[in-house]
Amino acid sequence: MERRLHTRHRARTAVYVSIPGRRGGKLCRARNLSVNGVFIETQDLGLKKGTTVQLAFAINLGVVTKIHRRTAIVAHVSNGGTGLMMESLTGTR
């Protein structure tokens, strides 16, 4: 049974993941995206469930491309990647 509140959409965008307290970041590929979450293909970044990360990604809206910056929390880590729950624009999840 699907428990998501928002529909996931296939994504074709790169997501730059920054981990507070660590130097640099990692460019990853988004597999799917929803209003409040994203699943990114990752190698082992050493992320654990509950870790807070910073995301930056571009969404192409036709003639306009918007850059989004969000704070997210690691929801799960699997062999294929990492599921991240993004904080909403109001600062709540």
N, C-alpha and C. Protein backbone atom coordinates (compact mmCIF):
# COMPACT_ATOMS: atom_id res chain seq x y z
N MET A 1 0.84 -1.18 0.00
CA MET A 1 0.00 0.00 0.00
C MET A 1 0.89 1.25 0.00
N GLU A 2 0.60 2.15 -0.89
CA GLU A 2 1.36 3.41 -1.02
C GLU A 2 0.95 4.37 0.09
N ARG A 3 1.96 4.90 0.83
CA ARG A 3 1.67 5.81 1.93
C ARG A 3 2.04 7.25 1.60
N ARG A 4 2.47 7.53 0.40
CA ARG A 4 2.91 8.87 0.05
C ARG A 4 1.73 9.82 -0.10
N LEU A 5 1.95 11.06 0.32
CA LEU A 5 0.92 12.08 0.18
C LEU A 5 0.97 12.74 -1.19
N HIS A 6 2.15 12.72 -1.82
CA HIS A 6 2.34 13.39 -3.11
C HIS A 6 2.90 12.40 -4.12
N THR A 7 2.45 12.53 -5.34
CA THR A 7 2.88 11.65 -6.42
C THR A 7 4.35 11.84 -6.74
N ARG A 8 5.05 10.73 -6.95
CA ARG A 8 6.44 10.80 -7.39
C ARG A 8 6.46 10.92 -8.91
N HIS A 9 7.42 11.68 -9.41
CA HIS A 9 7.60 11.85 -10.84
C HIS A 9 9.02 11.47 -11.20
N ARG A 10 9.18 10.84 -12.35
CA ARG A 10 10.55 10.55 -12.80
C ARG A 10 11.30 11.85 -12.94
N ALA A 11 12.54 11.83 -12.53
CA ALA A 11 13.35 13.05 -12.57
C ALA A 11 14.55 12.85 -13.47
N ARG A 12 14.90 13.89 -14.17
CA ARG A 12 16.10 13.88 -15.01
C ARG A 12 16.91 15.11 -14.65
N THR A 13 17.35 15.14 -13.43
CA THR A 13 18.12 16.29 -12.98
C THR A 13 19.22 15.82 -12.05
N ALA A 14 20.24 16.62 -11.97
CA ALA A 14 21.33 16.36 -11.03
C ALA A 14 21.01 17.08 -9.73
N VAL A 15 21.39 16.48 -8.63
CA VAL A 15 21.19 17.06 -7.30
C VAL A 15 22.55 17.15 -6.63
N TYR A 16 22.89 18.36 -6.19
CA TYR A 16 24.14 18.55 -5.46
C TYR A 16 23.82 18.41 -3.98
N VAL A 17 24.48 17.45 -3.33
CA VAL A 17 24.23 17.15 -1.92
C VAL A 17 25.40 17.65 -1.10
N SER A 18 25.12 18.52 -0.13
CA SER A 18 26.13 19.01 0.81
C SER A 18 25.78 18.49 2.19
N ILE A 19 26.79 18.01 2.88
CA ILE A 19 26.59 17.48 4.21
C ILE A 19 27.24 18.44 5.20
N PRO A 20 26.44 19.08 6.07
CA PRO A 20 27.00 20.02 7.03
C PRO A 20 28.12 19.37 7.86
N GLY A 21 29.20 20.12 8.01
CA GLY A 21 30.34 19.61 8.77
C GLY A 21 31.35 18.87 7.92
N ARG A 22 31.00 18.61 6.66
CA ARG A 22 31.93 17.95 5.74
C ARG A 22 32.33 18.93 4.65
N ARG A 23 33.53 18.78 4.20
CA ARG A 23 34.04 19.65 3.14
C ARG A 23 33.53 19.18 1.79
N GLY A 24 33.14 20.12 0.95
CA GLY A 24 32.67 19.79 -0.39
C GLY A 24 31.30 19.15 -0.38
N GLY A 25 30.93 18.59 -1.50
CA GLY A 25 29.64 17.94 -1.65
C GLY A 25 29.73 16.92 -2.76
N LYS A 26 28.61 16.37 -3.15
CA LYS A 26 28.59 15.32 -4.16
C LYS A 26 27.46 15.58 -5.13
N LEU A 27 27.76 15.46 -6.42
CA LEU A 27 26.75 15.59 -7.46
C LEU A 27 26.15 14.21 -7.72
N CYS A 28 24.83 14.09 -7.57
CA CYS A 28 24.13 12.82 -7.73
C CYS A 28 23.00 12.99 -8.74
N ARG A 29 22.50 11.88 -9.22
CA ARG A 29 21.39 11.90 -10.17
C ARG A 29 20.09 11.56 -9.44
N ALA A 30 19.06 12.38 -9.66
CA ALA A 30 17.75 12.11 -9.08
C ALA A 30 17.04 11.05 -9.90
N ARG A 31 16.46 10.08 -9.25
CA ARG A 31 15.69 9.05 -9.95
C ARG A 31 14.21 9.44 -9.98
N ASN A 32 13.70 9.94 -8.84
CA ASN A 32 12.33 10.44 -8.83
C ASN A 32 12.22 11.56 -7.82
N LEU A 33 11.16 12.35 -7.99
CA LEU A 33 11.00 13.58 -7.23
C LEU A 33 9.52 13.80 -6.95
N SER A 34 9.22 14.28 -5.75
CA SER A 34 7.85 14.67 -5.41
C SER A 34 7.92 16.02 -4.71
N VAL A 35 6.80 16.51 -4.26
CA VAL A 35 6.75 17.81 -3.59
C VAL A 35 7.64 17.81 -2.35
N ASN A 36 7.66 16.69 -1.63
CA ASN A 36 8.42 16.69 -0.38
C ASN A 36 9.50 15.61 -0.28
N GLY A 37 9.88 15.04 -1.40
CA GLY A 37 10.93 14.02 -1.34
C GLY A 37 11.63 13.81 -2.66
N VAL A 38 12.81 13.21 -2.56
CA VAL A 38 13.59 12.88 -3.75
C VAL A 38 14.38 11.61 -3.47
N PHE A 39 14.50 10.76 -4.47
CA PHE A 39 15.36 9.58 -4.37
C PHE A 39 16.53 9.81 -5.30
N ILE A 40 17.74 9.78 -4.75
CA ILE A 40 18.93 10.02 -5.55
C ILE A 40 19.79 8.77 -5.63
N GLU A 41 20.38 8.57 -6.79
CA GLU A 41 21.32 7.47 -6.97
C GLU A 41 22.64 7.89 -6.34
N THR A 42 23.11 7.10 -5.40
CA THR A 42 24.35 7.46 -4.70
C THR A 42 25.26 6.27 -4.55
N GLN A 43 26.53 6.56 -4.51
CA GLN A 43 27.50 5.60 -4.02
C GLN A 43 27.45 5.76 -2.51
N ASP A 44 28.24 5.04 -1.79
CA ASP A 44 28.22 5.14 -0.34
C ASP A 44 28.74 6.50 0.10
N LEU A 45 27.82 7.37 0.53
CA LEU A 45 28.20 8.69 1.03
C LEU A 45 28.38 8.67 2.54
N GLY A 46 28.14 7.53 3.16
CA GLY A 46 28.24 7.44 4.60
C GLY A 46 27.08 8.10 5.32
N LEU A 47 25.96 8.26 4.62
CA LEU A 47 24.79 8.90 5.23
C LEU A 47 24.00 7.88 6.03
N LYS A 48 23.47 8.32 7.13
CA LYS A 48 22.63 7.47 7.97
C LYS A 48 21.24 8.10 8.08
N LYS A 49 20.26 7.26 8.33
CA LYS A 49 18.89 7.74 8.49
C LYS A 49 18.87 8.84 9.55
N GLY A 50 18.17 9.94 9.25
CA GLY A 50 18.06 11.05 10.17
C GLY A 50 19.08 12.16 9.96
N THR A 51 20.09 11.92 9.10
CA THR A 51 21.10 12.93 8.82
C THR A 51 20.49 14.08 8.02
N THR A 52 20.81 15.31 8.38
CA THR A 52 20.34 16.48 7.65
C THR A 52 21.36 16.85 6.58
N VAL A 53 20.88 17.11 5.36
CA VAL A 53 21.74 17.50 4.25
C VAL A 53 21.15 18.73 3.56
N GLN A 54 21.95 19.39 2.76
CA GLN A 54 21.51 20.52 1.95
C GLN A 54 21.48 20.06 0.49
N LEU A 55 20.42 20.40 -0.23
CA LEU A 55 20.27 20.01 -1.64
C LEU A 55 20.19 21.25 -2.52
N ALA A 56 20.72 21.14 -3.71
CA ALA A 56 20.56 22.16 -4.74
C ALA A 56 20.31 21.42 -6.06
N PHE A 57 19.23 21.80 -6.76
CA PHE A 57 18.92 21.15 -8.03
C PHE A 57 18.14 22.09 -8.92
N ALA A 58 18.20 21.84 -10.21
CA ALA A 58 17.52 22.68 -11.20
C ALA A 58 16.30 21.93 -11.74
N ILE A 59 15.22 22.67 -11.91
CA ILE A 59 14.01 22.13 -12.53
C ILE A 59 13.72 22.97 -13.77
N ASN A 60 13.69 22.31 -14.93
CA ASN A 60 13.45 22.98 -16.19
C ASN A 60 11.95 23.12 -16.39
N LEU A 61 11.49 24.36 -16.51
CA LEU A 61 10.07 24.65 -16.70
C LEU A 61 9.78 25.16 -18.11
N GLY A 62 10.51 24.67 -19.08
CA GLY A 62 10.34 25.12 -20.46
C GLY A 62 11.34 26.22 -20.76
N VAL A 63 10.86 27.46 -20.81
CA VAL A 63 11.75 28.58 -21.12
C VAL A 63 12.49 29.08 -19.88
N VAL A 64 12.09 28.60 -18.71
CA VAL A 64 12.71 29.02 -17.45
C VAL A 64 13.24 27.80 -16.71
N THR A 65 14.41 27.94 -16.14
CA THR A 65 14.96 26.90 -15.27
C THR A 65 15.08 27.49 -13.87
N LYS A 66 14.47 26.82 -12.89
CA LYS A 66 14.51 27.29 -11.51
C LYS A 66 15.52 26.47 -10.72
N ILE A 67 16.32 27.15 -9.93
CA ILE A 67 17.26 26.49 -9.03
C ILE A 67 16.58 26.41 -7.67
N HIS A 68 16.48 25.21 -7.14
CA HIS A 68 15.87 24.99 -5.82
C HIS A 68 16.96 24.62 -4.83
N ARG A 69 16.88 25.18 -3.65
CA ARG A 69 17.77 24.83 -2.54
C ARG A 69 16.86 24.42 -1.39
N ARG A 70 17.11 23.22 -0.89
CA ARG A 70 16.27 22.69 0.18
C ARG A 70 17.13 21.99 1.23
N THR A 71 16.62 21.99 2.44
CA THR A 71 17.18 21.16 3.50
C THR A 71 16.39 19.87 3.48
N ALA A 72 17.08 18.74 3.64
CA ALA A 72 16.40 17.45 3.61
C ALA A 72 16.98 16.54 4.69
N ILE A 73 16.20 15.55 5.03
CA ILE A 73 16.61 14.56 6.03
C ILE A 73 16.62 13.20 5.35
N VAL A 74 17.67 12.42 5.61
CA VAL A 74 17.78 11.08 5.05
C VAL A 74 16.66 10.22 5.63
N ALA A 75 15.78 9.72 4.75
CA ALA A 75 14.67 8.86 5.17
C ALA A 75 15.08 7.39 5.14
N HIS A 76 15.86 7.02 4.12
CA HIS A 76 16.35 5.64 4.04
C HIS A 76 17.54 5.57 3.08
N VAL A 77 18.36 4.56 3.28
CA VAL A 77 19.52 4.31 2.43
C VAL A 77 19.42 2.87 1.96
N SER A 78 19.58 2.66 0.64
CA SER A 78 19.54 1.30 0.09
C SER A 78 20.72 1.13 -0.85
N ASN A 79 20.83 -0.05 -1.43
CA ASN A 79 21.93 -0.30 -2.38
C ASN A 79 21.86 0.62 -3.58
N GLY A 80 20.65 0.98 -4.00
CA GLY A 80 20.48 1.81 -5.18
C GLY A 80 20.60 3.30 -4.97
N GLY A 81 20.48 3.73 -3.71
CA GLY A 81 20.53 5.17 -3.49
C GLY A 81 20.01 5.57 -2.13
N THR A 82 19.60 6.83 -2.07
CA THR A 82 19.18 7.43 -0.81
C THR A 82 17.86 8.17 -0.99
N GLY A 83 16.91 7.91 -0.11
CA GLY A 83 15.64 8.62 -0.10
C GLY A 83 15.73 9.79 0.86
N LEU A 84 15.38 10.97 0.39
CA LEU A 84 15.48 12.18 1.19
C LEU A 84 14.11 12.84 1.32
N MET A 85 13.77 13.25 2.53
CA MET A 85 12.53 13.97 2.77
C MET A 85 12.89 15.44 2.91
N MET A 86 12.36 16.26 2.01
CA MET A 86 12.69 17.68 2.01
C MET A 86 11.78 18.45 2.95
N GLU A 87 12.35 19.46 3.57
CA GLU A 87 11.54 20.36 4.38
C GLU A 87 10.77 21.25 3.43
N SER A 88 9.57 21.61 3.81
CA SER A 88 8.75 22.47 2.96
C SER A 88 9.27 23.89 3.01
N LEU A 89 8.74 24.73 2.18
CA LEU A 89 9.15 26.13 2.13
C LEU A 89 8.83 26.87 3.42
N THR A 90 7.89 26.35 4.20
CA THR A 90 7.53 27.01 5.46
C THR A 90 8.42 26.54 6.60
N GLY A 91 9.32 25.59 6.32
CA GLY A 91 10.24 25.12 7.35
C GLY A 91 9.75 23.90 8.11
N THR A 92 8.58 23.37 7.76
CA THR A 92 8.09 22.15 8.39
C THR A 92 8.14 21.03 7.39
N ARG A 93 8.08 19.80 7.89
CA ARG A 93 8.15 18.66 6.98
C ARG A 93 6.82 18.22 6.50
